[in-house]
Amino acid sequence: MQNNMPNPISGFSKLSKSEKIDWIVSTYFSNKEDAKSLVTQYWNTDKKLQKLHDEFIENTITNYYLPLGVAPNFLINNRLYTIPMAIEESSVVAAASKAAKFWLDRGGFKTEVIATEKIGQVHFMYEGNYKELETFFNVVKPKLISEAAHLTKNMERRGGGIRAIALINKTKDLENYYQLHATFETLDAMGANFINSCLEQFAQTFEREAKNTLENNIDIVMSILSNYVPNCLVRAEVSCPISELKSKDIKHPEVFAQKFKQAINIAEIEPYRAVTHNKGIMNGIDAVVLATGNDFRAVEAGVHAYASRNDSYASLTHCTIEDDIFKFWIEIPLALGTVGGLTNLHPLVKFCLELLENPSARELMQIVAVAGLAQNFAAVKSLTTTGIQEGHMKMHLMNILNQFEATAEEKLKLVDHFKTNSVTHSAVVAAIKHLRS
C-alpha cells in the first residue's frame, strides 16, 4: 500500500491544461519529463482542432487514440457499404470484413426497422389514494403535453415528438412509488436531451398542479430517459441454401450448418456462453457506434437488458435450418442518432457518417445491427471449424512483435514463419529469441 498519499487538490478544474498536467506529473510520476512528453505528444498540431477535443469533456489533458478501420463489401438490402469501426481489439475488423465477403456472394444482409419508440420516466412518490391520483392524472395529462409544446414544436414539425404518457402504479414493488411513463419519437436524433427536457417539464407541471388539486403532495424523485428501448428494434438476417455454405474452411456444409445451429442453441440456453457470445456481437456493434459518435455505453446497457428480458440471459442471435435453408438473424434494440451531439462536432464522426453516405437514424440502426450479426457469424464460424485462436492469434501476432520492438526485417521473417506455424505468445517469444541469436 502506498504510504505517501498525495494531498487533495482544490480548484483543479479551474487550472489551465498545462497546470493540470504539471500537477499530475509532479504528484504521480517518477520520470516527470517522460510523462509530460508522452501526454503532449498526443496533442493535435492543429490548435483549433485540439481546442475542440479539449472541450468535449472536463479536465482534458490529452487525446486517447483508438484505431479507426473499415470493413468493406457489406451488401445490405442490395446496397453496398464500407463500414467504419473504431476499436482496439485485433481481430474484429478482419472478422467483420471476412463475414461481409462471405455473404456478399450469397445475397447479402436483409434488414428492417421494427419500431423506433424511445422511453422516459418521471419517478415520484405519493402517499394518497391511487384512484384520486389516477383521476387527477387523466385531467392534467393534456396540460403536461401543452406546457411542453415549446420543447416539442421543432420535433413535431419533422414528424416526431411525444407519443404517449401513462401513469404507472409500482407500489407493489416499492411503497408509494409511481411513474409517469412517456414514449417519444426522436427521428434522426438519439434524443436524450430532448427527452430529458420534456420529462423535467412534465414533472414541473405535474407537481404544481398536484398542489392545487390533491390532498397529498407528490414528491418528484427524478426525471430521466431510459436506455432500455425494447420498442426501438431492428432486425438483420442472412440466409441461403445449405449447399451454398461451402467455402475454403467449410468442406461439408450440412455438418457445418448443424454444428453452427447447435452453437447458437447453446448460447440461447446457457448464460455463461451467452455472455461471451453477445460480447462478440457487441465487438461489431460498439465499434460502429463509437465511430459514428453515438453512446456505446447506453447501447450496451440496453442490449444486455434486452438479452435478459425472458428471465434468463440469452443469445441475441438465432438460427434455423428449414427445407435445406440456413437462416441466421439478430433482433436488437438500438437507440442511435445521426444529428446532434458529437455527430455535428467531431470531424472523424462526420467523416464516418459521410463514408456511410449520410444515413438516417433508421438506416444507421440497420447498418449497426448488420455489423453485430457479421461479427457473430465470423466468431461462431471460427469456433465450429478451425477454432477461435487460429485467426485471433494471427491478428494478435503484430501486437506481440511490437511488444518486443521487432524491426521491419524481423517482422517480415516472423510473419512468414507463422503462416505455417501456430501462433501462441510463447511460440512468438521463442521465435524472436531464436532469430536474434
Protein backbone atom coordinates (compact mmCIF):
# COMPACT_ATOMS: atom_id res chain seq x y z
CA MET A 1 0.00 0.00 0.00
CA GLN A 2 1.20 3.50 -0.89
CA ASN A 3 2.45 5.39 2.17
CA ASN A 4 2.95 8.82 0.61
CA MET A 5 -0.64 9.54 -0.32
CA PRO A 6 -0.98 12.85 -2.22
CA ASN A 7 -2.91 15.70 -0.67
CA PRO A 8 -6.37 16.53 -2.13
CA ILE A 9 -6.34 19.37 -4.63
CA SER A 10 -8.84 22.22 -4.61
CA GLY A 11 -9.95 24.04 -7.76
CA PHE A 12 -8.40 21.52 -10.17
CA SER A 13 -10.97 22.18 -12.90
CA LYS A 14 -10.08 25.89 -12.86
CA LEU A 15 -6.41 25.24 -13.66
CA SER A 16 -5.16 25.58 -17.23
CA LYS A 17 -4.43 22.39 -19.14
CA SER A 18 -0.68 22.87 -18.64
CA GLU A 19 -1.14 23.46 -14.92
CA LYS A 20 -3.24 20.30 -14.61
CA ILE A 21 -0.56 18.27 -16.36
CA ASP A 22 2.19 19.77 -14.21
CA TRP A 23 0.29 18.82 -11.04
CA ILE A 24 -0.38 15.29 -12.31
CA VAL A 25 3.20 14.52 -13.34
CA SER A 26 4.74 16.10 -10.24
CA THR A 27 2.34 14.21 -7.95
CA TYR A 28 2.25 10.75 -9.52
CA PHE A 29 5.24 10.17 -11.82
CA SER A 30 8.87 9.47 -11.01
CA ASN A 31 10.04 10.43 -14.51
CA LYS A 32 8.18 13.71 -14.87
CA GLU A 33 9.69 14.75 -18.20
CA ASP A 34 8.84 11.46 -19.93
CA ALA A 35 5.27 11.53 -18.59
CA LYS A 36 4.72 15.11 -19.74
CA SER A 37 6.32 14.39 -23.11
CA LEU A 38 4.00 11.43 -23.67
CA VAL A 39 0.89 13.45 -22.85
CA THR A 40 1.82 16.37 -25.12
CA GLN A 41 2.91 14.01 -27.92
CA TYR A 42 -0.75 13.08 -28.44
CA TRP A 43 -1.95 16.66 -28.84
CA ASN A 44 -3.12 17.63 -32.30
CA THR A 45 -0.83 20.12 -34.04
CA ASP A 46 -3.92 21.98 -35.28
CA LYS A 47 -4.67 24.17 -32.23
CA LYS A 48 -8.29 24.81 -33.25
CA LEU A 49 -8.96 21.09 -33.62
CA GLN A 50 -7.24 20.35 -30.31
CA LYS A 51 -9.35 23.01 -28.56
CA LEU A 52 -12.47 21.30 -29.94
CA HIS A 53 -11.36 17.99 -28.42
CA ASP A 54 -10.38 19.66 -25.15
CA GLU A 55 -13.91 20.98 -24.74
CA PHE A 56 -15.73 17.66 -25.25
CA ILE A 57 -15.19 16.82 -21.56
CA GLU A 58 -13.85 18.45 -18.40
CA ASN A 59 -10.22 18.25 -17.22
CA THR A 60 -8.90 17.16 -20.62
CA ILE A 61 -5.15 16.62 -20.64
CA THR A 62 -4.61 14.85 -23.99
CA ASN A 63 -6.21 12.65 -26.66
CA TYR A 64 -6.54 8.87 -26.32
CA TYR A 65 -6.26 7.21 -29.70
CA LEU A 66 -8.17 4.17 -30.94
CA PRO A 67 -7.58 2.74 -34.42
CA LEU A 68 -10.28 3.62 -36.95
CA GLY A 69 -10.56 0.87 -39.54
CA VAL A 70 -13.04 -0.02 -42.25
CA ALA A 71 -14.77 -3.25 -43.25
CA PRO A 72 -15.74 -3.19 -46.95
CA ASN A 73 -18.12 -5.31 -49.06
CA PHE A 74 -21.21 -5.18 -46.84
CA LEU A 75 -24.22 -5.75 -49.08
CA ILE A 76 -27.25 -4.53 -47.09
CA ASN A 77 -30.65 -4.60 -48.81
CA ASN A 78 -28.83 -4.71 -52.16
CA ARG A 79 -26.77 -1.61 -51.35
CA LEU A 80 -23.01 -1.85 -50.87
CA TYR A 81 -21.40 -0.28 -47.78
CA THR A 82 -17.94 0.17 -46.33
CA ILE A 83 -18.43 0.26 -42.56
CA PRO A 84 -16.17 2.32 -40.24
CA MET A 85 -15.11 0.67 -36.97
CA ALA A 86 -13.26 2.29 -34.04
CA ILE A 87 -11.83 -0.46 -31.85
CA GLU A 88 -8.56 -1.73 -30.39
CA GLU A 89 -9.22 -5.50 -30.46
CA SER A 90 -7.02 -7.18 -33.05
CA SER A 91 -9.37 -9.45 -34.98
CA VAL A 92 -12.67 -7.53 -35.05
CA VAL A 93 -12.31 -5.60 -38.33
CA ALA A 94 -10.78 -8.61 -40.07
CA ALA A 95 -13.60 -10.87 -38.90
CA ALA A 96 -16.30 -8.41 -39.97
CA SER A 97 -14.67 -7.99 -43.38
CA LYS A 98 -14.44 -11.75 -43.82
CA ALA A 99 -18.11 -12.22 -42.94
CA ALA A 100 -19.12 -9.40 -45.30
CA LYS A 101 -17.22 -11.03 -48.17
CA PHE A 102 -18.71 -14.46 -47.34
CA TRP A 103 -22.30 -13.17 -47.55
CA LEU A 104 -21.65 -10.81 -50.48
CA ASP A 105 -21.85 -13.82 -52.83
CA ARG A 106 -24.87 -15.30 -51.03
CA GLY A 107 -27.40 -12.48 -51.23
CA GLY A 108 -26.00 -10.18 -48.58
CA PHE A 109 -27.80 -8.95 -45.45
CA LYS A 110 -31.52 -8.16 -45.26
CA THR A 111 -32.67 -5.68 -42.61
CA GLU A 112 -35.78 -3.93 -41.35
CA VAL A 113 -36.57 -1.45 -38.59
CA ILE A 114 -39.38 -2.89 -36.49
CA ALA A 115 -40.02 0.12 -34.22
CA THR A 116 -38.34 3.37 -33.10
CA GLU A 117 -40.08 4.18 -29.82
CA LYS A 118 -37.97 5.65 -27.01
CA ILE A 119 -38.89 5.93 -23.35
CA GLY A 120 -38.54 8.38 -20.48
CA GLN A 121 -39.93 8.37 -16.96
CA VAL A 122 -40.79 10.78 -14.16
CA HIS A 123 -40.33 8.85 -10.91
CA PHE A 124 -42.32 10.10 -7.95
CA MET A 125 -43.71 9.15 -4.53
CA TYR A 126 -47.32 9.63 -3.45
CA GLU A 127 -48.93 8.54 -0.18
CA GLY A 128 -52.55 9.31 -1.02
CA ASN A 129 -55.39 7.35 -2.63
CA TYR A 130 -54.49 5.81 -6.02
CA LYS A 131 -57.94 6.40 -7.56
CA GLU A 132 -57.70 10.11 -6.76
CA LEU A 133 -54.21 10.21 -8.32
CA GLU A 134 -55.47 8.40 -11.41
CA THR A 135 -58.38 10.81 -11.83
CA PHE A 136 -56.03 13.78 -11.38
CA PHE A 137 -53.60 12.37 -13.96
CA ASN A 138 -56.31 11.95 -16.60
CA VAL A 139 -57.37 15.57 -16.07
CA VAL A 140 -53.85 17.02 -16.10
CA LYS A 141 -52.42 14.94 -18.97
CA PRO A 142 -53.37 17.42 -21.75
CA LYS A 143 -51.65 20.19 -19.75
CA LEU A 144 -48.48 18.08 -19.44
CA ILE A 145 -48.33 17.94 -23.22
CA SER A 146 -49.36 21.55 -23.88
CA GLU A 147 -46.83 23.01 -21.44
CA ALA A 148 -44.05 21.04 -23.14
CA ALA A 149 -45.05 22.42 -26.56
CA HIS A 150 -42.20 24.95 -26.62
CA LEU A 151 -39.81 21.97 -26.40
CA THR A 152 -41.58 19.72 -28.89
CA LYS A 153 -42.64 22.07 -31.69
CA ASN A 154 -39.48 21.64 -33.80
CA MET A 155 -39.51 17.87 -33.36
CA GLU A 156 -43.23 17.72 -34.19
CA ARG A 157 -42.64 19.77 -37.34
CA ARG A 158 -40.38 16.97 -38.57
CA GLY A 159 -42.83 14.22 -37.58
CA GLY A 160 -41.57 13.33 -34.10
CA GLY A 161 -42.50 14.30 -30.57
CA ILE A 162 -44.37 12.87 -27.58
CA ARG A 163 -46.31 9.74 -28.44
CA ALA A 164 -47.95 8.86 -25.11
CA ILE A 165 -47.88 9.47 -21.36
CA ALA A 166 -49.16 6.87 -18.90
CA LEU A 167 -49.44 6.71 -15.12
CA ILE A 168 -47.80 3.53 -13.80
CA ASN A 169 -48.54 2.18 -10.33
CA LYS A 170 -45.41 0.49 -8.93
CA THR A 171 -46.49 0.36 -5.28
CA LYS A 172 -46.41 -3.46 -5.27
CA ASP A 173 -42.67 -3.27 -5.86
CA LEU A 174 -41.87 -0.17 -3.77
CA GLU A 175 -44.13 1.56 -1.28
CA ASN A 176 -45.72 4.81 -2.58
CA TYR A 177 -43.78 4.62 -5.87
CA TYR A 178 -45.35 5.74 -9.17
CA GLN A 179 -44.15 6.75 -12.63
CA LEU A 180 -45.15 8.95 -15.49
CA HIS A 181 -44.09 6.67 -18.33
CA ALA A 182 -43.68 8.58 -21.60
CA THR A 183 -42.86 7.39 -25.12
CA PHE A 184 -41.21 9.53 -27.78
CA GLU A 185 -40.24 9.57 -31.46
CA THR A 186 -36.98 11.47 -31.96
CA LEU A 187 -36.32 10.75 -35.67
CA ASP A 188 -32.62 11.18 -36.58
CA ALA A 189 -31.61 12.40 -33.12
CA MET A 190 -30.74 9.96 -30.37
CA GLY A 191 -32.91 12.33 -28.36
CA ALA A 192 -31.53 12.18 -24.83
CA ASN A 193 -31.52 15.94 -24.25
CA PHE A 194 -34.92 16.36 -25.89
CA ILE A 195 -36.50 13.58 -23.81
CA ASN A 196 -34.94 14.73 -20.54
CA SER A 197 -36.09 18.32 -21.12
CA CYS A 198 -39.64 17.13 -21.78
CA LEU A 199 -39.61 14.95 -18.67
CA GLU A 200 -38.44 17.78 -16.44
CA GLN A 201 -41.22 19.96 -17.83
CA PHE A 202 -43.76 17.17 -17.15
CA ALA A 203 -42.51 16.94 -13.56
CA GLN A 204 -42.75 20.68 -13.01
CA THR A 205 -46.31 20.86 -14.36
CA PHE A 206 -47.42 17.69 -12.57
CA GLU A 207 -46.08 18.78 -9.20
CA ARG A 208 -47.52 22.31 -9.47
CA GLU A 209 -50.98 21.12 -10.48
CA ALA A 210 -51.00 18.42 -7.79
CA LYS A 211 -50.54 21.04 -5.07
CA ASN A 212 -53.75 22.74 -6.22
CA THR A 213 -55.78 19.53 -6.56
CA LEU A 214 -54.63 16.59 -4.41
CA GLU A 215 -54.86 16.34 -0.64
CA ASN A 216 -51.42 14.72 -0.51
CA ASN A 217 -48.45 16.25 -2.29
CA ILE A 218 -46.45 14.27 -4.79
CA ASP A 219 -42.69 14.09 -4.30
CA ILE A 220 -40.70 14.07 -7.55
CA VAL A 221 -37.64 11.84 -7.17
CA MET A 222 -36.12 12.22 -10.64
CA SER A 223 -36.90 12.67 -14.34
CA ILE A 224 -34.73 10.73 -16.81
CA LEU A 225 -34.84 8.86 -20.10
CA SER A 226 -34.36 5.09 -20.15
CA ASN A 227 -31.60 3.42 -22.12
CA TYR A 228 -33.74 0.30 -22.19
CA VAL A 229 -35.55 0.61 -25.54
CA PRO A 230 -37.28 -2.73 -26.22
CA ASN A 231 -39.57 -0.98 -28.70
CA CYS A 232 -36.75 0.61 -30.68
CA LEU A 233 -35.94 -2.56 -32.57
CA VAL A 234 -34.07 -3.55 -35.72
CA ARG A 235 -33.69 -6.95 -37.37
CA ALA A 236 -30.89 -8.17 -39.63
CA GLU A 237 -30.58 -11.59 -41.22
CA VAL A 238 -28.71 -13.72 -43.73
CA SER A 239 -29.92 -16.89 -45.42
CA CYS A 240 -29.00 -19.26 -48.21
CA PRO A 241 -29.38 -22.90 -49.26
CA ILE A 242 -27.16 -25.10 -47.08
CA SER A 243 -25.24 -26.26 -50.15
CA GLU A 244 -24.07 -22.66 -50.75
CA LEU A 245 -22.30 -22.53 -47.38
CA LYS A 246 -19.34 -24.40 -48.83
CA SER A 247 -16.06 -22.46 -48.68
CA LYS A 248 -12.32 -22.94 -48.14
CA ASP A 249 -12.82 -23.80 -44.46
CA ILE A 250 -16.28 -25.41 -44.82
CA LYS A 251 -15.82 -28.72 -46.62
CA HIS A 252 -19.13 -30.24 -45.54
CA PRO A 253 -21.90 -27.59 -45.49
CA GLU A 254 -24.54 -29.87 -43.89
CA VAL A 255 -22.22 -30.69 -40.99
CA PHE A 256 -21.23 -27.03 -40.60
CA ALA A 257 -24.85 -25.82 -40.62
CA GLN A 258 -25.88 -28.29 -37.92
CA LYS A 259 -22.91 -27.53 -35.71
CA PHE A 260 -23.39 -23.77 -36.17
CA LYS A 261 -27.05 -24.09 -35.17
CA GLN A 262 -26.07 -26.16 -32.13
CA ALA A 263 -23.64 -23.44 -31.07
CA ILE A 264 -26.42 -20.83 -31.30
CA ASN A 265 -28.82 -23.10 -29.40
CA ILE A 266 -26.27 -23.44 -26.59
CA ALA A 267 -25.97 -19.65 -26.34
CA GLU A 268 -29.77 -19.41 -26.18
CA ILE A 269 -29.97 -21.52 -23.00
CA GLU A 270 -26.56 -21.24 -21.29
CA PRO A 271 -25.83 -17.81 -19.74
CA TYR A 272 -22.09 -18.49 -19.30
CA ARG A 273 -21.82 -19.00 -23.05
CA ALA A 274 -24.38 -16.30 -23.90
CA VAL A 275 -22.36 -13.54 -22.21
CA THR A 276 -19.26 -14.25 -24.32
CA HIS A 277 -21.42 -14.87 -27.40
CA ASN A 278 -23.11 -11.47 -27.02
CA LYS A 279 -19.81 -9.77 -26.18
CA GLY A 280 -18.66 -10.85 -29.63
CA ILE A 281 -21.76 -9.29 -31.16
CA MET A 282 -21.02 -6.06 -29.28
CA ASN A 283 -17.46 -6.05 -30.68
CA GLY A 284 -19.02 -5.22 -34.03
CA ILE A 285 -21.81 -3.01 -32.73
CA ASP A 286 -19.73 -0.88 -30.34
CA ALA A 287 -17.06 -0.28 -32.97
CA VAL A 288 -19.57 1.29 -35.38
CA VAL A 289 -21.50 3.09 -32.63
CA LEU A 290 -18.24 4.69 -31.43
CA ALA A 291 -17.10 5.56 -34.96
CA THR A 292 -20.40 7.35 -35.64
CA GLY A 293 -20.32 9.40 -32.42
CA ASN A 294 -23.07 7.53 -30.60
CA ASP A 295 -23.24 6.41 -26.96
CA PHE A 296 -21.93 2.84 -26.83
CA ARG A 297 -22.46 2.63 -23.04
CA ALA A 298 -26.17 3.33 -23.49
CA VAL A 299 -26.37 0.80 -26.32
CA GLU A 300 -24.54 -1.84 -24.24
CA ALA A 301 -26.82 -1.35 -21.23
CA GLY A 302 -29.99 -1.55 -23.32
CA VAL A 303 -28.84 -4.55 -25.33
CA HIS A 304 -27.83 -6.62 -22.30
CA ALA A 305 -31.11 -5.78 -20.55
CA TYR A 306 -32.93 -6.97 -23.69
CA ALA A 307 -30.92 -10.20 -23.66
CA SER A 308 -32.32 -10.81 -20.15
CA ARG A 309 -35.95 -9.93 -20.91
CA ASN A 310 -37.19 -13.53 -20.57
CA ASP A 311 -35.82 -14.00 -17.02
CA SER A 312 -32.53 -15.56 -18.18
CA TYR A 313 -29.61 -14.01 -20.06
CA ALA A 314 -29.61 -15.45 -23.60
CA SER A 315 -28.21 -15.13 -27.11
CA LEU A 316 -29.19 -12.12 -29.20
CA THR A 317 -28.81 -14.14 -32.41
CA HIS A 318 -30.84 -17.12 -33.62
CA CYS A 319 -30.52 -19.80 -36.29
CA THR A 320 -32.89 -22.14 -38.10
CA ILE A 321 -32.49 -24.86 -40.71
CA GLU A 322 -35.73 -25.50 -42.57
CA ASP A 323 -36.26 -27.02 -46.04
CA ASP A 324 -32.47 -27.02 -46.55
CA ILE A 325 -32.33 -23.24 -45.98
CA PHE A 326 -29.85 -21.89 -43.43
CA LYS A 327 -31.11 -18.71 -41.75
CA PHE A 328 -29.24 -16.64 -39.14
CA TRP A 329 -30.59 -13.41 -37.64
CA ILE A 330 -30.45 -10.84 -34.88
CA GLU A 331 -33.20 -8.68 -33.39
CA ILE A 332 -31.77 -5.95 -31.22
CA PRO A 333 -32.74 -2.63 -29.58
CA LEU A 334 -30.67 0.32 -30.83
CA ALA A 335 -31.32 3.98 -29.99
CA LEU A 336 -29.00 5.90 -32.31
CA GLY A 337 -28.70 9.36 -33.79
CA THR A 338 -27.17 10.94 -36.88
CA VAL A 339 -27.75 14.57 -35.82
CA GLY A 340 -26.85 16.31 -32.57
CA GLY A 341 -24.11 15.53 -30.07
CA LEU A 342 -20.72 14.56 -31.48
CA THR A 343 -22.22 13.94 -34.93
CA ASN A 344 -22.14 17.70 -35.56
CA LEU A 345 -18.78 18.32 -33.86
CA HIS A 346 -16.21 15.54 -34.22
CA PRO A 347 -14.52 15.71 -37.65
CA LEU A 348 -13.94 11.95 -37.80
CA VAL A 349 -17.56 11.25 -36.88
CA LYS A 350 -18.60 13.46 -39.80
CA PHE A 351 -16.14 11.54 -41.97
CA CYS A 352 -17.58 8.18 -40.89
CA LEU A 353 -21.16 9.28 -41.50
CA GLU A 354 -20.24 10.54 -44.96
CA LEU A 355 -18.47 7.22 -45.60
CA LEU A 356 -21.83 5.58 -44.85
CA GLU A 357 -23.47 8.04 -47.29
CA ASN A 358 -25.02 10.12 -44.50
CA PRO A 359 -27.59 7.62 -43.23
CA SER A 360 -30.76 8.47 -41.33
CA ALA A 361 -31.01 7.11 -37.78
CA ARG A 362 -33.16 4.24 -39.10
CA GLU A 363 -30.55 3.39 -41.75
CA LEU A 364 -27.76 3.55 -39.15
CA MET A 365 -29.71 1.16 -36.90
CA GLN A 366 -29.71 -1.36 -39.75
CA ILE A 367 -26.01 -0.92 -40.54
CA VAL A 368 -25.05 -1.34 -36.88
CA ALA A 369 -27.22 -4.46 -36.49
CA VAL A 370 -25.53 -5.96 -39.55
CA ALA A 371 -22.10 -5.28 -38.06
CA GLY A 372 -23.13 -7.21 -34.94
CA LEU A 373 -24.56 -10.11 -36.92
CA ALA A 374 -21.49 -10.31 -39.16
CA GLN A 375 -19.16 -10.30 -36.17
CA ASN A 376 -21.14 -13.09 -34.53
CA PHE A 377 -21.24 -15.16 -37.71
CA ALA A 378 -17.46 -14.89 -38.07
CA ALA A 379 -16.87 -15.85 -34.44
CA VAL A 380 -19.22 -18.85 -34.40
CA LYS A 381 -17.93 -19.99 -37.79
CA SER A 382 -14.37 -19.97 -36.41
CA LEU A 383 -15.42 -21.71 -33.18
CA THR A 384 -17.13 -24.52 -35.04
CA THR A 385 -14.43 -25.01 -37.71
CA THR A 386 -10.79 -24.01 -37.12
CA GLY A 387 -11.19 -22.79 -33.53
CA ILE A 388 -11.16 -19.17 -32.39
CA GLN A 389 -7.46 -18.91 -31.58
CA GLU A 390 -6.05 -19.58 -35.04
CA GLY A 391 -7.42 -16.40 -36.61
CA HIS A 392 -7.31 -14.32 -33.43
CA MET A 393 -3.70 -15.09 -32.61
CA LYS A 394 -2.56 -14.42 -36.17
CA MET A 395 -4.08 -10.96 -35.83
CA HIS A 396 -2.51 -10.64 -32.39
CA LEU A 397 0.93 -11.57 -33.75
CA MET A 398 1.80 -7.98 -34.67
CA ASN A 399 0.96 -6.78 -31.15
CA ILE A 400 3.37 -9.31 -29.67
CA LEU A 401 6.09 -8.34 -32.15
CA ASN A 402 5.61 -4.68 -31.28
CA GLN A 403 5.93 -5.51 -27.57
CA PHE A 404 9.42 -6.84 -28.36
CA GLU A 405 10.16 -3.87 -30.65
CA ALA A 406 10.77 -6.12 -33.65
CA THR A 407 12.38 -4.43 -36.62
CA ALA A 408 10.70 -4.33 -40.05
CA GLU A 409 13.03 -7.11 -41.24
CA GLU A 410 12.27 -9.26 -38.19
CA LYS A 411 8.53 -8.76 -38.69
CA LEU A 412 8.72 -9.93 -42.31
CA LYS A 413 10.58 -13.11 -41.35
CA LEU A 414 8.36 -13.90 -38.37
CA VAL A 415 5.08 -13.23 -40.19
CA ASP A 416 6.28 -15.60 -42.90
CA HIS A 417 7.28 -18.18 -40.26
CA PHE A 418 3.86 -18.12 -38.61
CA LYS A 419 2.00 -18.61 -41.87
CA THR A 420 2.64 -22.31 -41.33
CA ASN A 421 3.07 -22.43 -37.54
CA SER A 422 0.59 -21.95 -34.71
CA VAL A 423 0.72 -18.54 -33.07
CA THR A 424 0.98 -18.55 -29.29
CA HIS A 425 2.68 -15.98 -27.10
CA SER A 426 5.37 -18.46 -26.04
CA ALA A 427 5.94 -19.59 -29.65
CA VAL A 428 6.41 -15.98 -30.80
CA VAL A 429 8.81 -15.24 -27.94
CA ALA A 430 10.82 -18.36 -28.76
CA ALA A 431 10.92 -17.45 -32.47
CA ILE A 432 12.13 -13.91 -31.72
CA LYS A 433 14.88 -15.20 -29.42
CA HIS A 434 15.94 -17.77 -31.99
CA LEU A 435 16.03 -15.18 -34.78
CA ARG A 436 18.07 -12.76 -32.68
CA SER A 437 20.52 -15.42 -31.57
